[in-house]
Amino acid sequence: MFHVLLSSIPDPAPSAPAGVADKVNTVLALVKWASLMAALAVLMGSGALLFAGERGHGGGMSPQLKSTIGSVLVVLIIVGSASQLVQWLS
């Protein structure tokens, strides 16, 4: 009985209202670009932290701990965004 009720509900194809599709595509492109820039900034910041830790610069953290944290951050970011980076490069 319940499946009969569900089968009677129409399922139209999704479509954007007129004039909205271009604006939505622009916003999505800007969000995608900003996300890519943020990921690159985090990669560069993690790399700077990594190199500073290896050279012994920095405050209360030991250079080994800072270097380890930086290495882990870089690896996690690369692994997490690998598919997006491959799509962006190809």
PDB file of N, CA and C in Angstrom:
ATOM      1  N   MET A   1       0.822  -1.186   0.000  1.00  0.00           N
ATOM      2  CA  MET A   1       0.000   0.000   0.000  1.00  0.00           C
ATOM      3  C   MET A   1       0.877   1.265   0.000  1.00  0.00           C
ATOM      4  N   PHE A   2       1.930   1.227   0.807  1.00  0.00           N
ATOM      5  CA  PHE A   2       2.800   2.399   0.889  1.00  0.00           C
ATOM      6  C   PHE A   2       3.541   2.625  -0.422  1.00  0.00           C
ATOM      7  N   HIS A   3       3.993   1.542  -1.078  1.00  0.00           N
ATOM      8  CA  HIS A   3       4.703   1.692  -2.352  1.00  0.00           C
ATOM      9  C   HIS A   3       3.781   2.201  -3.448  1.00  0.00           C
ATOM     10  N   VAL A   4       2.488   1.921  -3.360  1.00  0.00           N
ATOM     11  CA  VAL A   4       1.529   2.446  -4.337  1.00  0.00           C
ATOM     12  C   VAL A   4       1.432   3.961  -4.188  1.00  0.00           C
ATOM     13  N   LEU A   5       1.420   4.422  -2.942  1.00  0.00           N
ATOM     14  CA  LEU A   5       1.364   5.853  -2.695  1.00  0.00           C
ATOM     15  C   LEU A   5       2.632   6.535  -3.206  1.00  0.00           C
ATOM     16  N   LEU A   6       3.792   5.926  -2.951  1.00  0.00           N
ATOM     17  CA  LEU A   6       5.050   6.506  -3.417  1.00  0.00           C
ATOM     18  C   LEU A   6       5.168   6.483  -4.930  1.00  0.00           C
ATOM     19  N   SER A   7       4.646   5.453  -5.574  1.00  0.00           N
ATOM     20  CA  SER A   7       4.747   5.384  -7.032  1.00  0.00           C
ATOM     21  C   SER A   7       3.835   6.393  -7.713  1.00  0.00           C
ATOM     22  N   SER A   8       2.854   6.919  -7.022  1.00  0.00           N
ATOM     23  CA  SER A   8       1.959   7.897  -7.641  1.00  0.00           C
ATOM     24  C   SER A   8       2.527   9.318  -7.574  1.00  0.00           C
ATOM     25  N   ILE A   9       3.605   9.527  -6.811  1.00  0.00           N
ATOM     26  CA  ILE A   9       4.218  10.856  -6.720  1.00  0.00           C
ATOM     27  C   ILE A   9       5.082  11.080  -7.953  1.00  0.00           C
ATOM     28  N   PRO A  10       4.902  12.191  -8.673  1.00  0.00           N
ATOM     29  CA  PRO A  10       5.707  12.441  -9.879  1.00  0.00           C
ATOM     30  C   PRO A  10       7.161  12.734  -9.513  1.00  0.00           C
ATOM     31  N   ASP A  11       8.066  12.403 -10.422  1.00  0.00           N
ATOM     32  CA  ASP A  11       9.503  12.631 -10.229  1.00  0.00           C
ATOM     33  C   ASP A  11      10.039  13.398 -11.438  1.00  0.00           C
ATOM     34  N   PRO A  12       9.861  14.732 -11.448  1.00  0.00           N
ATOM     35  CA  PRO A  12      10.314  15.502 -12.611  1.00  0.00           C
ATOM     36  C   PRO A  12      11.836  15.608 -12.636  1.00  0.00           C
ATOM     37  N   ALA A  13      12.385  15.812 -13.821  1.00  0.00           N
ATOM     38  CA  ALA A  13      13.828  16.000 -13.974  1.00  0.00           C
ATOM     39  C   ALA A  13      14.217  17.369 -13.418  1.00  0.00           C
ATOM     40  N   PRO A  14      15.361  17.453 -12.728  1.00  0.00           N
ATOM     41  CA  PRO A  14      15.765  18.747 -12.176  1.00  0.00           C
ATOM     42  C   PRO A  14      16.197  19.715 -13.275  1.00  0.00           C
ATOM     43  N   SER A  15      15.782  20.949 -13.138  1.00  0.00           N
ATOM     44  CA  SER A  15      16.194  21.977 -14.092  1.00  0.00           C
ATOM     45  C   SER A  15      16.199  23.319 -13.363  1.00  0.00           C
ATOM     46  N   ALA A  16      17.160  24.133 -13.721  1.00  0.00           N
ATOM     47  CA  ALA A  16      17.284  25.455 -13.093  1.00  0.00           C
ATOM     48  C   ALA A  16      16.275  26.404 -13.715  1.00  0.00           C
ATOM     49  N   PRO A  17      15.776  27.337 -12.915  1.00  0.00           N
ATOM     50  CA  PRO A  17      14.876  28.352 -13.480  1.00  0.00           C
ATOM     51  C   PRO A  17      15.607  29.211 -14.512  1.00  0.00           C
ATOM     52  N   ALA A  18      14.852  29.809 -15.391  1.00  0.00           N
ATOM     53  CA  ALA A  18      15.442  30.618 -16.463  1.00  0.00           C
ATOM     54  C   ALA A  18      16.237  31.783 -15.870  1.00  0.00           C
ATOM     55  N   GLY A  19      17.445  31.994 -16.390  1.00  0.00           N
ATOM     56  CA  GLY A  19      18.270  33.099 -15.950  1.00  0.00           C
ATOM     57  C   GLY A  19      19.105  32.822 -14.702  1.00  0.00           C
ATOM     58  N   VAL A  20      18.890  31.715 -14.056  1.00  0.00           N
ATOM     59  CA  VAL A  20      19.610  31.415 -12.817  1.00  0.00           C
ATOM     60  C   VAL A  20      20.822  30.527 -13.082  1.00  0.00           C
ATOM     61  N   ALA A  21      20.767  29.723 -14.115  1.00  0.00           N
ATOM     62  CA  ALA A  21      21.821  28.745 -14.371  1.00  0.00           C
ATOM     63  C   ALA A  21      23.189  29.409 -14.545  1.00  0.00           C
ATOM     64  N   ASP A  22      23.258  30.518 -15.279  1.00  0.00           N
ATOM     65  CA  ASP A  22      24.544  31.197 -15.481  1.00  0.00           C
ATOM     66  C   ASP A  22      25.089  31.757 -14.175  1.00  0.00           C
ATOM     67  N   LYS A  23      24.227  32.335 -13.361  1.00  0.00           N
ATOM     68  CA  LYS A  23      24.653  32.900 -12.083  1.00  0.00           C
ATOM     69  C   LYS A  23      25.125  31.800 -11.128  1.00  0.00           C
ATOM     70  N   VAL A  24      24.420  30.701 -11.107  1.00  0.00           N
ATOM     71  CA  VAL A  24      24.809  29.582 -10.239  1.00  0.00           C
ATOM     72  C   VAL A  24      26.143  29.010 -10.704  1.00  0.00           C
ATOM     73  N   ASN A  25      26.329  28.863 -12.007  1.00  0.00           N
ATOM     74  CA  ASN A  25      27.603  28.364 -12.527  1.00  0.00           C
ATOM     75  C   ASN A  25      28.754  29.307 -12.174  1.00  0.00           C
ATOM     76  N   THR A  26      28.513  30.610 -12.220  1.00  0.00           N
ATOM     77  CA  THR A  26      29.546  31.574 -11.845  1.00  0.00           C
ATOM     78  C   THR A  26      29.901  31.446 -10.373  1.00  0.00           C
ATOM     79  N   VAL A  27      28.896  31.329  -9.515  1.00  0.00           N
ATOM     80  CA  VAL A  27      29.147  31.188  -8.077  1.00  0.00           C
ATOM     81  C   VAL A  27      29.881  29.885  -7.795  1.00  0.00           C
ATOM     82  N   LEU A  28      29.466  28.799  -8.415  1.00  0.00           N
ATOM     83  CA  LEU A  28      30.142  27.519  -8.200  1.00  0.00           C
ATOM     84  C   LEU A  28      31.583  27.553  -8.697  1.00  0.00           C
ATOM     85  N   ALA A  29      31.825  28.233  -9.811  1.00  0.00           N
ATOM     86  CA  ALA A  29      33.195  28.359 -10.315  1.00  0.00           C
ATOM     87  C   ALA A  29      34.058  29.168  -9.348  1.00  0.00           C
ATOM     88  N   LEU A  30      33.498  30.231  -8.770  1.00  0.00           N
ATOM     89  CA  LEU A  30      34.239  31.027  -7.797  1.00  0.00           C
ATOM     90  C   LEU A  30      34.532  30.233  -6.527  1.00  0.00           C
ATOM     91  N   VAL A  31      33.566  29.445  -6.068  1.00  0.00           N
ATOM     92  CA  VAL A  31      33.774  28.617  -4.879  1.00  0.00           C
ATOM     93  C   VAL A  31      34.842  27.561  -5.153  1.00  0.00           C
ATOM     94  N   LYS A  32      34.807  26.967  -6.327  1.00  0.00           N
ATOM     95  CA  LYS A  32      35.813  25.966  -6.697  1.00  0.00           C
ATOM     96  C   LYS A  32      37.200  26.591  -6.763  1.00  0.00           C
ATOM     97  N   TRP A  33      37.304  27.779  -7.346  1.00  0.00           N
ATOM     98  CA  TRP A  33      38.579  28.466  -7.444  1.00  0.00           C
ATOM     99  C   TRP A  33      39.099  28.847  -6.061  1.00  0.00           C
ATOM    100  N   ALA A  34      38.218  29.352  -5.200  1.00  0.00           N
ATOM    101  CA  ALA A  34      38.621  29.736  -3.849  1.00  0.00           C
ATOM    102  C   ALA A  34      39.065  28.511  -3.052  1.00  0.00           C
ATOM    103  N   SER A  35      38.388  27.390  -3.239  1.00  0.00           N
ATOM    104  CA  SER A  35      38.782  26.161  -2.546  1.00  0.00           C
ATOM    105  C   SER A  35      40.157  25.696  -3.004  1.00  0.00           C
ATOM    106  N   LEU A  36      40.418  25.792  -4.287  1.00  0.00           N
ATOM    107  CA  LEU A  36      41.728  25.411  -4.808  1.00  0.00           C
ATOM    108  C   LEU A  36      42.817  26.323  -4.251  1.00  0.00           C
ATOM    109  N   MET A  37      42.553  27.620  -4.206  1.00  0.00           N
ATOM    110  CA  MET A  37      43.529  28.565  -3.661  1.00  0.00           C
ATOM    111  C   MET A  37      43.760  28.312  -2.174  1.00  0.00           C
ATOM    112  N   ALA A  38      42.698  27.989  -1.436  1.00  0.00           N
ATOM    113  CA  ALA A  38      42.844  27.701  -0.010  1.00  0.00           C
ATOM    114  C   ALA A  38      43.665  26.433   0.195  1.00  0.00           C
ATOM    115  N   ALA A  39      43.424  25.405  -0.623  1.00  0.00           N
ATOM    116  CA  ALA A  39      44.197  24.172  -0.509  1.00  0.00           C
ATOM    117  C   ALA A  39      45.669  24.425  -0.818  1.00  0.00           C
ATOM    118  N   LEU A  40      45.941  25.221  -1.840  1.00  0.00           N
ATOM    119  CA  LEU A  40      47.327  25.554  -2.165  1.00  0.00           C
ATOM    120  C   LEU A  40      47.978  26.374  -1.057  1.00  0.00           C
ATOM    121  N   ALA A  41      47.226  27.286  -0.452  1.00  0.00           N
ATOM    122  CA  ALA A  41      47.768  28.086   0.651  1.00  0.00           C
ATOM    123  C   ALA A  41      48.088  27.214   1.855  1.00  0.00           C
ATOM    124  N   VAL A  42      47.226  26.244   2.142  1.00  0.00           N
ATOM    125  CA  VAL A  42      47.492  25.330   3.258  1.00  0.00           C
ATOM    126  C   VAL A  42      48.714  24.465   2.956  1.00  0.00           C
ATOM    127  N   LEU A  43      48.840  24.029   1.709  1.00  0.00           N
ATOM    128  CA  LEU A  43      50.031  23.254   1.331  1.00  0.00           C
ATOM    129  C   LEU A  43      51.301  24.086   1.492  1.00  0.00           C
ATOM    130  N   MET A  44      51.258  25.341   1.055  1.00  0.00           N
ATOM    131  CA  MET A  44      52.445  26.185   1.175  1.00  0.00           C
ATOM    132  C   MET A  44      52.748  26.498   2.638  1.00  0.00           C
ATOM    133  N   GLY A  45      51.713  26.744   3.431  1.00  0.00           N
ATOM    134  CA  GLY A  45      51.925  27.005   4.850  1.00  0.00           C
ATOM    135  C   GLY A  45      52.472  25.789   5.579  1.00  0.00           C
ATOM    136  N   SER A  46      51.967  24.617   5.227  1.00  0.00           N
ATOM    137  CA  SER A  46      52.475  23.384   5.837  1.00  0.00           C
ATOM    138  C   SER A  46      53.917  23.132   5.424  1.00  0.00           C
ATOM    139  N   GLY A  47      54.226  23.427   4.177  1.00  0.00           N
ATOM    140  CA  GLY A  47      55.606  23.275   3.727  1.00  0.00           C
ATOM    141  C   GLY A  47      56.544  24.233   4.440  1.00  0.00           C
ATOM    142  N   ALA A  48      56.078  25.479   4.650  1.00  0.00           N
ATOM    143  CA  ALA A  48      56.901  26.440   5.391  1.00  0.00           C
ATOM    144  C   ALA A  48      57.111  25.977   6.824  1.00  0.00           C
ATOM    145  N   LEU A  49      56.067  25.434   7.441  1.00  0.00           N
ATOM    146  CA  LEU A  49      56.191  24.894   8.792  1.00  0.00           C
ATOM    147  C   LEU A  49      57.151  23.711   8.815  1.00  0.00           C
ATOM    148  N   LEU A  50      57.086  22.878   7.801  1.00  0.00           N
ATOM    149  CA  LEU A  50      57.968  21.722   7.702  1.00  0.00           C
ATOM    150  C   LEU A  50      59.429  22.165   7.616  1.00  0.00           C
ATOM    151  N   PHE A  51      59.719  23.100   6.736  1.00  0.00           N
ATOM    152  CA  PHE A  51      61.104  23.544   6.569  1.00  0.00           C
ATOM    153  C   PHE A  51      61.601  24.323   7.788  1.00  0.00           C
ATOM    154  N   ALA A  52      60.720  25.093   8.425  1.00  0.00           N
ATOM    155  CA  ALA A  52      61.123  25.820   9.629  1.00  0.00           C
ATOM    156  C   ALA A  52      61.423  24.840  10.747  1.00  0.00           C
ATOM    157  N   GLY A  53      60.651  23.763  10.840  1.00  0.00           N
ATOM    158  CA  GLY A  53      60.895  22.762  11.874  1.00  0.00           C
ATOM    159  C   GLY A  53      62.187  22.012  11.651  1.00  0.00           C
ATOM    160  N   GLU A  54      62.519  21.762  10.402  1.00  0.00           N
ATOM    161  CA  GLU A  54      63.760  21.041  10.119  1.00  0.00           C
ATOM    162  C   GLU A  54      64.990  21.905  10.387  1.00  0.00           C
ATOM    163  N   ARG A  55      64.835  23.209  10.277  1.00  0.00           N
ATOM    164  CA  ARG A  55      65.970  24.111  10.494  1.00  0.00           C
ATOM    165  C   ARG A  55      66.097  24.559  11.943  1.00  0.00           C
ATOM    166  N   GLY A  56      65.146  24.176  12.803  1.00  0.00           N
ATOM    167  CA  GLY A  56      65.234  24.507  14.217  1.00  0.00           C
ATOM    168  C   GLY A  56      64.655  25.851  14.585  1.00  0.00           C
ATOM    169  N   HIS A  57      63.913  26.496  13.688  1.00  0.00           N
ATOM    170  CA  HIS A  57      63.288  27.778  14.006  1.00  0.00           C
ATOM    171  C   HIS A  57      61.950  27.526  14.670  1.00  0.00           C
ATOM    172  N   GLY A  58      61.507  28.455  15.436  1.00  0.00           N
ATOM    173  CA  GLY A  58      60.192  28.329  16.041  1.00  0.00           C
ATOM    174  C   GLY A  58      60.275  28.350  17.547  1.00  0.00           C
ATOM    175  N   GLY A  59      59.131  28.484  18.173  1.00  0.00           N
ATOM    176  CA  GLY A  59      59.065  28.674  19.608  1.00  0.00           C
ATOM    177  C   GLY A  59      59.115  27.397  20.411  1.00  0.00           C
ATOM    178  N   GLY A  60      58.063  27.126  21.161  1.00  0.00           N
ATOM    179  CA  GLY A  60      58.059  26.094  22.175  1.00  0.00           C
ATOM    180  C   GLY A  60      58.122  24.661  21.681  1.00  0.00           C
ATOM    181  N   MET A  61      57.863  24.403  20.419  1.00  0.00           N
ATOM    182  CA  MET A  61      57.891  23.027  19.920  1.00  0.00           C
ATOM    183  C   MET A  61      59.304  22.636  19.515  1.00  0.00           C
ATOM    184  N   SER A  62      59.594  21.363  19.735  1.00  0.00           N
ATOM    185  CA  SER A  62      60.893  20.879  19.289  1.00  0.00           C
ATOM    186  C   SER A  62      60.912  20.811  17.763  1.00  0.00           C
ATOM    187  N   PRO A  63      62.059  20.946  17.162  1.00  0.00           N
ATOM    188  CA  PRO A  63      62.130  20.890  15.693  1.00  0.00           C
ATOM    189  C   PRO A  63      61.644  19.559  15.131  1.00  0.00           C
ATOM    190  N   GLN A  64      61.886  18.471  15.846  1.00  0.00           N
ATOM    191  CA  GLN A  64      61.445  17.166  15.350  1.00  0.00           C
ATOM    192  C   GLN A  64      59.919  17.075  15.350  1.00  0.00           C
ATOM    193  N   LEU A  65      59.292  17.574  16.421  1.00  0.00           N
ATOM    194  CA  LEU A  65      57.834  17.530  16.492  1.00  0.00           C
ATOM    195  C   LEU A  65      57.211  18.416  15.423  1.00  0.00           C
ATOM    196  N   LYS A  66      57.770  19.601  15.247  1.00  0.00           N
ATOM    197  CA  LYS A  66      57.252  20.518  14.236  1.00  0.00           C
ATOM    198  C   LYS A  66      57.420  19.920  12.837  1.00  0.00           C
ATOM    199  N   SER A  67      58.549  19.282  12.588  1.00  0.00           N
ATOM    200  CA  SER A  67      58.792  18.651  11.300  1.00  0.00           C
ATOM    201  C   SER A  67      57.830  17.486  11.077  1.00  0.00           C
ATOM    202  N   THR A  68      57.582  16.705  12.109  1.00  0.00           N
ATOM    203  CA  THR A  68      56.657  15.575  11.992  1.00  0.00           C
ATOM    204  C   THR A  68      55.240  16.061  11.722  1.00  0.00           C
ATOM    205  N   ILE A  69      54.805  17.081  12.452  1.00  0.00           N
ATOM    206  CA  ILE A  69      53.462  17.617  12.239  1.00  0.00           C
ATOM    207  C   ILE A  69      53.329  18.175  10.826  1.00  0.00           C
ATOM    208  N   GLY A  70      54.339  18.891  10.375  1.00  0.00           N
ATOM    209  CA  GLY A  70      54.297  19.423   9.016  1.00  0.00           C
ATOM    210  C   GLY A  70      54.245  18.338   7.969  1.00  0.00           C
ATOM    211  N   SER A  71      55.032  17.296   8.154  1.00  0.00           N
ATOM    212  CA  SER A  71      55.032  16.186   7.194  1.00  0.00           C
ATOM    213  C   SER A  71      53.674  15.500   7.156  1.00  0.00           C
ATOM    214  N   VAL A  72      53.101  15.269   8.319  1.00  0.00           N
ATOM    215  CA  VAL A  72      51.787  14.614   8.380  1.00  0.00           C
ATOM    216  C   VAL A  72      50.733  15.493   7.714  1.00  0.00           C
ATOM    217  N   LEU A  73      50.766  16.805   7.964  1.00  0.00           N
ATOM    218  CA  LEU A  73      49.803  17.700   7.326  1.00  0.00           C
ATOM    219  C   LEU A  73      49.920  17.678   5.808  1.00  0.00           C
ATOM    220  N   VAL A  74      51.125  17.742   5.305  1.00  0.00           N
ATOM    221  CA  VAL A  74      51.329  17.737   3.857  1.00  0.00           C
ATOM    222  C   VAL A  74      50.820  16.432   3.234  1.00  0.00           C
ATOM    223  N   VAL A  75      51.147  15.317   3.869  1.00  0.00           N
ATOM    224  CA  VAL A  75      50.713  14.020   3.343  1.00  0.00           C
ATOM    225  C   VAL A  75      49.199  13.903   3.383  1.00  0.00           C
ATOM    226  N   LEU A  76      48.563  14.316   4.486  1.00  0.00           N
ATOM    227  CA  LEU A  76      47.105  14.235   4.579  1.00  0.00           C
ATOM    228  C   LEU A  76      46.419  15.119   3.546  1.00  0.00           C
ATOM    229  N   ILE A  77      46.950  16.284   3.324  1.00  0.00           N
ATOM    230  CA  ILE A  77      46.338  17.181   2.336  1.00  0.00           C
ATOM    231  C   ILE A  77      46.502  16.619   0.928  1.00  0.00           C
ATOM    232  N   ILE A  78      47.667  16.095   0.621  1.00  0.00           N
ATOM    233  CA  ILE A  78      47.884  15.536  -0.716  1.00  0.00           C
ATOM    234  C   ILE A  78      47.007  14.318  -0.946  1.00  0.00           C
ATOM    235  N   VAL A  79      46.928  13.435   0.048  1.00  0.00           N
ATOM    236  CA  VAL A  79      46.090  12.243  -0.097  1.00  0.00           C
ATOM    237  C   VAL A  79      44.617  12.633  -0.192  1.00  0.00           C
ATOM    238  N   GLY A  80      44.194  13.594   0.626  1.00  0.00           N
ATOM    239  CA  GLY A  80      42.796  14.011   0.620  1.00  0.00           C
ATOM    240  C   GLY A  80      42.366  14.709  -0.651  1.00  0.00           C
ATOM    241  N   SER A  81      43.277  15.392  -1.301  1.00  0.00           N
ATOM    242  CA  SER A  81      42.905  16.142  -2.502  1.00  0.00           C
ATOM    243  C   SER A  81      43.536  15.577  -3.769  1.00  0.00           C
ATOM    244  N   ALA A  82      44.001  14.354  -3.731  1.00  0.00           N
ATOM    245  CA  ALA A  82      44.705  13.778  -4.886  1.00  0.00           C
ATOM    246  C   ALA A  82      43.815  13.718  -6.120  1.00  0.00           C
ATOM    247  N   SER A  83      42.588  13.254  -5.960  1.00  0.00           N
ATOM    248  CA  SER A  83      41.728  13.124  -7.141  1.00  0.00           C
ATOM    249  C   SER A  83      41.407  14.495  -7.734  1.00  0.00           C
ATOM    250  N   GLN A  84      41.179  15.485  -6.876  1.00  0.00           N
ATOM    251  CA  GLN A  84      40.889  16.828  -7.390  1.00  0.00           C
ATOM    252  C   GLN A  84      42.113  17.432  -8.072  1.00  0.00           C
ATOM    253  N   LEU A  85      43.293  17.181  -7.516  1.00  0.00           N
ATOM    254  CA  LEU A  85      44.506  17.706  -8.132  1.00  0.00           C
ATOM    255  C   LEU A  85      44.760  17.056  -9.499  1.00  0.00           C
ATOM    256  N   VAL A  86      44.498  15.761  -9.608  1.00  0.00           N
ATOM    257  CA  VAL A  86      44.684  15.074 -10.887  1.00  0.00           C
ATOM    258  C   VAL A  86      43.705  15.605 -11.917  1.00  0.00           C
ATOM    259  N   GLN A  87      42.449  15.802 -11.515  1.00  0.00           N
ATOM    260  CA  GLN A  87      41.460  16.348 -12.441  1.00  0.00           C
ATOM    261  C   GLN A  87      41.823  17.765 -12.867  1.00  0.00           C
ATOM    262  N   TRP A  88      42.346  18.556 -11.942  1.00  0.00           N
ATOM    263  CA  TRP A  88      42.711  19.929 -12.259  1.00  0.00           C
ATOM    264  C   TRP A  88      43.900  19.982 -13.205  1.00  0.00           C
ATOM    265  N   LEU A  89      44.857  19.072 -13.018  1.00  0.00           N
ATOM    266  CA  LEU A  89      46.056  19.063 -13.871  1.00  0.00           C
ATOM    267  C   LEU A  89      45.798  18.489 -15.248  1.00  0.00           C
ATOM    268  N   SER A  90      44.783  17.624 -15.379  1.00  0.00           N
ATOM    269  CA  SER A  90      44.538  17.007 -16.684  1.00  0.00           C
ATOM    270  C   SER A  90      43.523  17.759 -17.498  1.00  0.00           C
TER     271      SER A  90
END
